[in-house]
Amino acid sequence: MSSEPREVLELEPEGTPLDAAEFIVVDVETTGSGSSSGDRVTEVAAVLVRGNTVSTVFDTLVNPMQPISEFVTRLTGISNAMVRTAPRFSDIAGELASQLAGRVFVAHNALFDWRFLDSEFLRVTSGGLDALSPSRLCTVRLSKLILRHLPRRNLDSVCAHYGIAIENRHRAGGDAVATAHVLIGLIRDAERAGIWSLEGLIKYGSQRRKRVRRTAMPSSTDGAEGA
């Protein structure tokens, strides 16, 4: 049985049961890496997770109103021609907001997706994501805390650990579905470590990983049961 991380056991198992919580797992594709420098969203998908149930509730290309570079097209497969007749973000903001509202925002490297969507919402509304989502979780941060034995925690590595196949890699829909299944695996491992509530998971996911001194003694790690 896993013994790490021991500090998790100190969290109060009170609050919203994890199986009763609603998580909205989001992925965006963009024209570049800088939301603050004017890059825009080209595709967005949202996947609802309740317990072990995963369902795609939103998935669309978005016209970014700016050119997509050849590098980004090679990476994502999304071309200027594909988004030319796609809706603008202002056209889909209301429907997307209805899926985000009141649910826990989740993404792999959540700050990246959060910043892009926050910037897009601020262009068309008076409030950003803070007005919609009460809290957020990053599956990269959770992976660093729970799957400490993995040398890398990018989406490919964590999916390989849990035996999750990624369809349409680097497309919003495929990556969001894969991240949703990763979230379920991480939640089950967190429960084994003593986290029973949504509040406890958010508290745990917001902390920084503690550096530990390596020894020659082998030790078990969380996440092994989910492999």
C-alpha atoms as a PDB file:
ATOM      1  CA  MET A   1       0.000   0.000   0.000  1.00  0.00           C
ATOM      2  CA  SER A   2       1.307   3.439  -0.887  1.00  0.00           C
ATOM      3  CA  SER A   3       2.770   5.538   1.897  1.00  0.00           C
ATOM      4  CA  GLU A   4       3.385   8.802   0.041  1.00  0.00           C
ATOM      5  CA  PRO A   5       2.514  11.647   0.429  1.00  0.00           C
ATOM      6  CA  ARG A   6       1.950  11.268   4.192  1.00  0.00           C
ATOM      7  CA  GLU A   7       0.897  14.896   4.679  1.00  0.00           C
ATOM      8  CA  VAL A   8      -2.287  14.232   2.718  1.00  0.00           C
ATOM      9  CA  LEU A   9      -3.680  12.199   5.606  1.00  0.00           C
ATOM     10  CA  GLU A  10      -3.868  15.364   7.715  1.00  0.00           C
ATOM     11  CA  LEU A  11      -6.532  16.892   5.461  1.00  0.00           C
ATOM     12  CA  GLU A  12     -10.078  16.952   6.787  1.00  0.00           C
ATOM     13  CA  PRO A  13     -12.243  14.439   4.879  1.00  0.00           C
ATOM     14  CA  GLU A  14     -15.203  16.823   5.140  1.00  0.00           C
ATOM     15  CA  GLY A  15     -16.903  18.795   2.418  1.00  0.00           C
ATOM     16  CA  THR A  16     -18.148  17.873  -1.048  1.00  0.00           C
ATOM     17  CA  PRO A  17     -17.560  14.174  -1.846  1.00  0.00           C
ATOM     18  CA  LEU A  18     -15.341  13.831  -4.906  1.00  0.00           C
ATOM     19  CA  ASP A  19     -17.874  11.605  -6.644  1.00  0.00           C
ATOM     20  CA  ALA A  20     -20.506  14.335  -6.239  1.00  0.00           C
ATOM     21  CA  ALA A  21     -18.343  17.149  -7.622  1.00  0.00           C
ATOM     22  CA  GLU A  22     -18.656  18.453 -11.169  1.00  0.00           C
ATOM     23  CA  PHE A  23     -15.385  19.080 -12.985  1.00  0.00           C
ATOM     24  CA  ILE A  24     -15.203  20.789 -16.360  1.00  0.00           C
ATOM     25  CA  VAL A  25     -12.011  19.744 -18.137  1.00  0.00           C
ATOM     26  CA  VAL A  26     -10.888  22.287 -20.720  1.00  0.00           C
ATOM     27  CA  ASP A  27      -8.345  22.383 -23.497  1.00  0.00           C
ATOM     28  CA  VAL A  28      -7.596  25.195 -25.917  1.00  0.00           C
ATOM     29  CA  GLU A  29      -5.533  25.406 -29.077  1.00  0.00           C
ATOM     30  CA  THR A  30      -4.109  28.823 -29.881  1.00  0.00           C
ATOM     31  CA  THR A  31      -2.206  30.899 -32.426  1.00  0.00           C
ATOM     32  CA  GLY A  32       0.784  31.069 -30.073  1.00  0.00           C
ATOM     33  CA  SER A  33       1.911  30.788 -26.469  1.00  0.00           C
ATOM     34  CA  GLY A  34       1.245  34.315 -25.239  1.00  0.00           C
ATOM     35  CA  SER A  35      -2.269  35.345 -24.255  1.00  0.00           C
ATOM     36  CA  SER A  36      -0.883  38.610 -22.881  1.00  0.00           C
ATOM     37  CA  SER A  37       0.891  39.374 -26.167  1.00  0.00           C
ATOM     38  CA  GLY A  38      -2.249  39.035 -28.251  1.00  0.00           C
ATOM     39  CA  ASP A  39      -2.335  35.381 -29.283  1.00  0.00           C
ATOM     40  CA  ARG A  40      -5.866  34.015 -29.646  1.00  0.00           C
ATOM     41  CA  VAL A  41      -7.830  30.797 -29.235  1.00  0.00           C
ATOM     42  CA  THR A  42      -8.361  28.681 -32.369  1.00  0.00           C
ATOM     43  CA  GLU A  43     -10.212  25.770 -30.762  1.00  0.00           C
ATOM     44  CA  VAL A  44     -11.778  25.022 -27.393  1.00  0.00           C
ATOM     45  CA  ALA A  45     -13.307  21.899 -25.887  1.00  0.00           C
ATOM     46  CA  ALA A  46     -14.934  21.238 -22.525  1.00  0.00           C
ATOM     47  CA  VAL A  47     -15.518  17.795 -21.014  1.00  0.00           C
ATOM     48  CA  LEU A  48     -17.734  17.213 -17.998  1.00  0.00           C
ATOM     49  CA  VAL A  49     -16.561  14.724 -15.357  1.00  0.00           C
ATOM     50  CA  ARG A  50     -18.975  13.382 -12.725  1.00  0.00           C
ATOM     51  CA  GLY A  51     -17.634  10.409 -10.816  1.00  0.00           C
ATOM     52  CA  ASN A  52     -16.389   8.018 -13.524  1.00  0.00           C
ATOM     53  CA  THR A  53     -18.567   9.546 -16.244  1.00  0.00           C
ATOM     54  CA  VAL A  54     -16.876  11.549 -19.003  1.00  0.00           C
ATOM     55  CA  SER A  55     -18.919  13.478 -21.557  1.00  0.00           C
ATOM     56  CA  THR A  56     -17.904  16.116 -24.088  1.00  0.00           C
ATOM     57  CA  VAL A  57     -20.247  19.084 -23.690  1.00  0.00           C
ATOM     58  CA  PHE A  58     -18.505  21.637 -25.900  1.00  0.00           C
ATOM     59  CA  ASP A  59     -16.078  21.388 -28.831  1.00  0.00           C
ATOM     60  CA  THR A  60     -15.586  23.922 -31.608  1.00  0.00           C
ATOM     61  CA  LEU A  61     -13.050  25.629 -33.802  1.00  0.00           C
ATOM     62  CA  VAL A  62     -12.800  29.390 -33.260  1.00  0.00           C
ATOM     63  CA  ASN A  63     -11.909  32.089 -35.755  1.00  0.00           C
ATOM     64  CA  PRO A  64      -8.999  33.897 -34.021  1.00  0.00           C
ATOM     65  CA  MET A  65      -9.209  36.937 -36.308  1.00  0.00           C
ATOM     66  CA  GLN A  66      -5.475  36.661 -36.920  1.00  0.00           C
ATOM     67  CA  PRO A  67      -3.223  34.386 -39.000  1.00  0.00           C
ATOM     68  CA  ILE A  68      -2.130  30.968 -37.765  1.00  0.00           C
ATOM     69  CA  SER A  69       1.564  30.305 -38.315  1.00  0.00           C
ATOM     70  CA  GLU A  70       2.836  27.310 -40.257  1.00  0.00           C
ATOM     71  CA  PHE A  71       4.506  26.028 -37.078  1.00  0.00           C
ATOM     72  CA  VAL A  72       1.205  25.984 -35.180  1.00  0.00           C
ATOM     73  CA  THR A  73      -0.563  24.358 -38.128  1.00  0.00           C
ATOM     74  CA  ARG A  74       2.046  21.611 -38.225  1.00  0.00           C
ATOM     75  CA  LEU A  75       1.624  21.028 -34.491  1.00  0.00           C
ATOM     76  CA  THR A  76      -2.176  21.126 -34.234  1.00  0.00           C
ATOM     77  CA  GLY A  77      -3.357  20.465 -37.765  1.00  0.00           C
ATOM     78  CA  ILE A  78      -5.513  23.607 -37.559  1.00  0.00           C
ATOM     79  CA  SER A  79      -5.084  25.801 -40.626  1.00  0.00           C
ATOM     80  CA  ASN A  80      -6.237  29.267 -41.608  1.00  0.00           C
ATOM     81  CA  ALA A  81      -8.678  27.686 -44.056  1.00  0.00           C
ATOM     82  CA  MET A  82     -10.256  25.591 -41.284  1.00  0.00           C
ATOM     83  CA  VAL A  83     -11.055  28.568 -39.057  1.00  0.00           C
ATOM     84  CA  ARG A  84     -12.040  31.021 -41.773  1.00  0.00           C
ATOM     85  CA  THR A  85     -15.748  30.189 -41.445  1.00  0.00           C
ATOM     86  CA  ALA A  86     -15.614  29.143 -37.783  1.00  0.00           C
ATOM     87  CA  PRO A  87     -17.492  31.211 -35.174  1.00  0.00           C
ATOM     88  CA  ARG A  88     -15.693  34.036 -33.407  1.00  0.00           C
ATOM     89  CA  PHE A  89     -15.224  33.731 -29.664  1.00  0.00           C
ATOM     90  CA  SER A  90     -17.964  36.290 -29.113  1.00  0.00           C
ATOM     91  CA  ASP A  91     -20.350  33.923 -30.895  1.00  0.00           C
ATOM     92  CA  ILE A  92     -19.633  30.983 -28.600  1.00  0.00           C
ATOM     93  CA  ALA A  93     -18.903  32.794 -25.322  1.00  0.00           C
ATOM     94  CA  GLY A  94     -22.401  32.417 -23.911  1.00  0.00           C
ATOM     95  CA  GLU A  95     -22.686  28.681 -24.567  1.00  0.00           C
ATOM     96  CA  LEU A  96     -19.188  28.030 -23.238  1.00  0.00           C
ATOM     97  CA  ALA A  97     -19.857  30.135 -20.141  1.00  0.00           C
ATOM     98  CA  SER A  98     -22.946  28.047 -19.374  1.00  0.00           C
ATOM     99  CA  GLN A  99     -20.780  24.919 -19.279  1.00  0.00           C
ATOM    100  CA  LEU A 100     -18.092  26.505 -17.099  1.00  0.00           C
ATOM    101  CA  ALA A 101     -20.416  28.193 -14.620  1.00  0.00           C
ATOM    102  CA  GLY A 102     -20.216  26.801 -11.098  1.00  0.00           C
ATOM    103  CA  ARG A 103     -17.957  23.898 -12.017  1.00  0.00           C
ATOM    104  CA  VAL A 104     -14.336  23.244 -11.081  1.00  0.00           C
ATOM    105  CA  PHE A 105     -12.093  24.314 -13.971  1.00  0.00           C
ATOM    106  CA  VAL A 106      -9.522  21.620 -14.823  1.00  0.00           C
ATOM    107  CA  ALA A 107      -6.772  21.517 -17.441  1.00  0.00           C
ATOM    108  CA  HIS A 108      -3.341  20.045 -17.982  1.00  0.00           C
ATOM    109  CA  ASN A 109      -1.179  23.101 -17.274  1.00  0.00           C
ATOM    110  CA  ALA A 110      -4.332  24.905 -16.188  1.00  0.00           C
ATOM    111  CA  LEU A 111      -2.822  28.388 -15.989  1.00  0.00           C
ATOM    112  CA  PHE A 112      -2.188  28.375 -19.754  1.00  0.00           C
ATOM    113  CA  ASP A 113      -5.780  27.501 -20.678  1.00  0.00           C
ATOM    114  CA  TRP A 114      -7.201  29.726 -17.939  1.00  0.00           C
ATOM    115  CA  ARG A 115      -5.268  32.791 -19.102  1.00  0.00           C
ATOM    116  CA  PHE A 116      -6.297  32.360 -22.734  1.00  0.00           C
ATOM    117  CA  LEU A 117      -9.981  31.887 -21.944  1.00  0.00           C
ATOM    118  CA  ASP A 118      -9.911  34.671 -19.365  1.00  0.00           C
ATOM    119  CA  SER A 119      -8.475  37.020 -22.001  1.00  0.00           C
ATOM    120  CA  GLU A 120     -11.090  35.953 -24.543  1.00  0.00           C
ATOM    121  CA  PHE A 121     -13.972  36.437 -22.109  1.00  0.00           C
ATOM    122  CA  LEU A 122     -12.653  39.844 -21.063  1.00  0.00           C
ATOM    123  CA  ARG A 123     -12.786  40.936 -24.708  1.00  0.00           C
ATOM    124  CA  VAL A 124     -16.516  40.262 -24.928  1.00  0.00           C
ATOM    125  CA  THR A 125     -17.851  40.473 -21.362  1.00  0.00           C
ATOM    126  CA  SER A 126     -17.426  42.620 -18.279  1.00  0.00           C
ATOM    127  CA  GLY A 127     -16.043  39.706 -16.248  1.00  0.00           C
ATOM    128  CA  GLY A 128     -13.493  36.977 -16.795  1.00  0.00           C
ATOM    129  CA  LEU A 129     -13.281  33.385 -15.653  1.00  0.00           C
ATOM    130  CA  ASP A 130     -13.216  34.280 -11.965  1.00  0.00           C
ATOM    131  CA  ALA A 131     -16.889  35.159 -12.276  1.00  0.00           C
ATOM    132  CA  LEU A 132     -17.692  31.735 -13.744  1.00  0.00           C
ATOM    133  CA  SER A 133     -15.527  29.089 -12.107  1.00  0.00           C
ATOM    134  CA  PRO A 134     -15.282  28.948  -8.307  1.00  0.00           C
ATOM    135  CA  SER A 135     -11.944  27.126  -8.364  1.00  0.00           C
ATOM    136  CA  ARG A 136      -9.470  25.393 -10.627  1.00  0.00           C
ATOM    137  CA  LEU A 137      -7.285  22.309 -10.623  1.00  0.00           C
ATOM    138  CA  CYS A 138      -4.162  21.637 -12.652  1.00  0.00           C
ATOM    139  CA  THR A 139      -3.544  17.994 -13.537  1.00  0.00           C
ATOM    140  CA  VAL A 140       0.155  18.763 -14.071  1.00  0.00           C
ATOM    141  CA  ARG A 141       0.456  19.998 -10.474  1.00  0.00           C
ATOM    142  CA  LEU A 142      -1.547  17.051  -9.162  1.00  0.00           C
ATOM    143  CA  SER A 143       0.659  14.675 -11.147  1.00  0.00           C
ATOM    144  CA  LYS A 144       3.793  16.197  -9.634  1.00  0.00           C
ATOM    145  CA  LEU A 145       2.378  15.622  -6.159  1.00  0.00           C
ATOM    146  CA  ILE A 146       0.739  12.232  -6.646  1.00  0.00           C
ATOM    147  CA  LEU A 147       2.842  10.568  -9.359  1.00  0.00           C
ATOM    148  CA  ARG A 148       6.215  11.482  -7.929  1.00  0.00           C
ATOM    149  CA  HIS A 149       7.940   8.505  -9.456  1.00  0.00           C
ATOM    150  CA  LEU A 150       7.274   9.651 -13.036  1.00  0.00           C
ATOM    151  CA  PRO A 151      10.236  11.452 -14.635  1.00  0.00           C
ATOM    152  CA  ARG A 152       7.872  13.579 -16.757  1.00  0.00           C
ATOM    153  CA  ARG A 153       4.278  14.727 -16.260  1.00  0.00           C
ATOM    154  CA  ASN A 154       3.312  15.957 -19.709  1.00  0.00           C
ATOM    155  CA  LEU A 155       0.006  14.651 -21.031  1.00  0.00           C
ATOM    156  CA  ASP A 156       1.604  11.849 -23.039  1.00  0.00           C
ATOM    157  CA  SER A 157       3.566  10.546 -20.034  1.00  0.00           C
ATOM    158  CA  VAL A 158       0.667  10.657 -17.571  1.00  0.00           C
ATOM    159  CA  CYS A 159      -1.699   9.061 -20.089  1.00  0.00           C
ATOM    160  CA  ALA A 160       0.844   6.291 -20.680  1.00  0.00           C
ATOM    161  CA  HIS A 161       1.010   5.721 -16.919  1.00  0.00           C
ATOM    162  CA  TYR A 162      -2.756   5.270 -16.674  1.00  0.00           C
ATOM    163  CA  GLY A 163      -3.057   3.355 -19.949  1.00  0.00           C
ATOM    164  CA  ILE A 164      -5.078   6.108 -21.625  1.00  0.00           C
ATOM    165  CA  ALA A 165      -5.044   6.390 -25.415  1.00  0.00           C
ATOM    166  CA  ILE A 166      -5.084   9.954 -26.755  1.00  0.00           C
ATOM    167  CA  GLU A 167      -7.112  10.408 -29.914  1.00  0.00           C
ATOM    168  CA  ASN A 168      -6.435  13.539 -31.977  1.00  0.00           C
ATOM    169  CA  ARG A 169      -3.392  14.704 -30.033  1.00  0.00           C
ATOM    170  CA  HIS A 170      -2.941  18.484 -29.988  1.00  0.00           C
ATOM    171  CA  ARG A 171      -6.588  19.012 -30.818  1.00  0.00           C
ATOM    172  CA  ALA A 172      -8.786  20.470 -28.105  1.00  0.00           C
ATOM    173  CA  GLY A 173     -11.366  17.673 -28.066  1.00  0.00           C
ATOM    174  CA  GLY A 174      -8.878  14.805 -27.974  1.00  0.00           C
ATOM    175  CA  ASP A 175      -6.643  16.371 -25.347  1.00  0.00           C
ATOM    176  CA  ALA A 176      -9.592  17.380 -23.143  1.00  0.00           C
ATOM    177  CA  VAL A 177     -11.027  13.847 -23.138  1.00  0.00           C
ATOM    178  CA  ALA A 178      -7.610  12.376 -22.323  1.00  0.00           C
ATOM    179  CA  THR A 179      -7.129  14.897 -19.505  1.00  0.00           C
ATOM    180  CA  ALA A 180     -10.577  14.009 -18.143  1.00  0.00           C
ATOM    181  CA  HIS A 181      -9.545  10.359 -17.829  1.00  0.00           C
ATOM    182  CA  VAL A 182      -6.250  11.438 -16.243  1.00  0.00           C
ATOM    183  CA  LEU A 183      -8.237  13.444 -13.694  1.00  0.00           C
ATOM    184  CA  ILE A 184     -10.257  10.354 -12.779  1.00  0.00           C
ATOM    185  CA  GLY A 185      -7.055   8.377 -12.274  1.00  0.00           C
ATOM    186  CA  LEU A 186      -5.537  11.111 -10.122  1.00  0.00           C
ATOM    187  CA  ILE A 187      -8.706  11.384  -8.030  1.00  0.00           C
ATOM    188  CA  ARG A 188      -8.705   7.640  -7.341  1.00  0.00           C
ATOM    189  CA  ASP A 189      -5.051   7.786  -6.306  1.00  0.00           C
ATOM    190  CA  ALA A 190      -5.766  10.838  -4.134  1.00  0.00           C
ATOM    191  CA  GLU A 191      -8.556   8.921  -2.406  1.00  0.00           C
ATOM    192  CA  ARG A 192      -6.133   6.099  -1.642  1.00  0.00           C
ATOM    193  CA  ALA A 193      -3.862   8.716  -0.061  1.00  0.00           C
ATOM    194  CA  GLY A 194      -6.660   9.963   2.195  1.00  0.00           C
ATOM    195  CA  ILE A 195      -8.283  12.804   0.250  1.00  0.00           C
ATOM    196  CA  TRP A 196     -12.059  12.390   0.251  1.00  0.00           C
ATOM    197  CA  SER A 197     -13.449  15.839  -0.502  1.00  0.00           C
ATOM    198  CA  LEU A 198     -13.304  18.376  -3.303  1.00  0.00           C
ATOM    199  CA  GLU A 199     -12.077  20.973  -0.834  1.00  0.00           C
ATOM    200  CA  GLY A 200      -9.274  18.667   0.265  1.00  0.00           C
ATOM    201  CA  LEU A 201      -8.228  17.970  -3.311  1.00  0.00           C
ATOM    202  CA  ILE A 202      -8.125  21.672  -4.183  1.00  0.00           C
ATOM    203  CA  LYS A 203      -6.136  22.411  -1.028  1.00  0.00           C
ATOM    204  CA  TYR A 204      -3.700  19.622  -1.823  1.00  0.00           C
ATOM    205  CA  GLY A 205      -3.390  20.598  -5.484  1.00  0.00           C
ATOM    206  CA  SER A 206      -2.544  24.192  -4.599  1.00  0.00           C
ATOM    207  CA  GLN A 207       0.501  23.317  -2.502  1.00  0.00           C
ATOM    208  CA  ARG A 208       4.037  23.114  -3.782  1.00  0.00           C
ATOM    209  CA  ARG A 209       5.801  19.813  -4.010  1.00  0.00           C
ATOM    210  CA  LYS A 210       8.231  19.322  -1.167  1.00  0.00           C
ATOM    211  CA  ARG A 211      11.748  18.374  -2.082  1.00  0.00           C
ATOM    212  CA  VAL A 212      12.805  15.109  -0.483  1.00  0.00           C
ATOM    213  CA  ARG A 213      16.288  13.713  -0.017  1.00  0.00           C
ATOM    214  CA  ARG A 214      16.800  10.580  -2.056  1.00  0.00           C
ATOM    215  CA  THR A 215      17.992   7.435  -0.330  1.00  0.00           C
ATOM    216  CA  ALA A 216      19.086   4.037  -1.519  1.00  0.00           C
ATOM    217  CA  MET A 217      15.988   2.474   0.022  1.00  0.00           C
ATOM    218  CA  PRO A 218      13.198   1.694  -2.469  1.00  0.00           C
ATOM    219  CA  SER A 219       9.758   3.066  -1.636  1.00  0.00           C
ATOM    220  CA  SER A 220       6.250   2.693  -3.044  1.00  0.00           C
ATOM    221  CA  THR A 221       4.627   5.655  -4.782  1.00  0.00           C
ATOM    222  CA  ASP A 222       1.100   6.853  -5.303  1.00  0.00           C
ATOM    223  CA  GLY A 223      -0.283   6.169  -8.726  1.00  0.00           C
ATOM    224  CA  ALA A 224       1.196   2.704  -9.090  1.00  0.00           C
ATOM    225  CA  GLU A 225      -2.210   1.136  -8.575  1.00  0.00           C
ATOM    226  CA  GLY A 226      -3.580   3.216 -11.421  1.00  0.00           C
ATOM    227  CA  ALA A 227      -1.007   1.995 -13.967  1.00  0.00           C
END
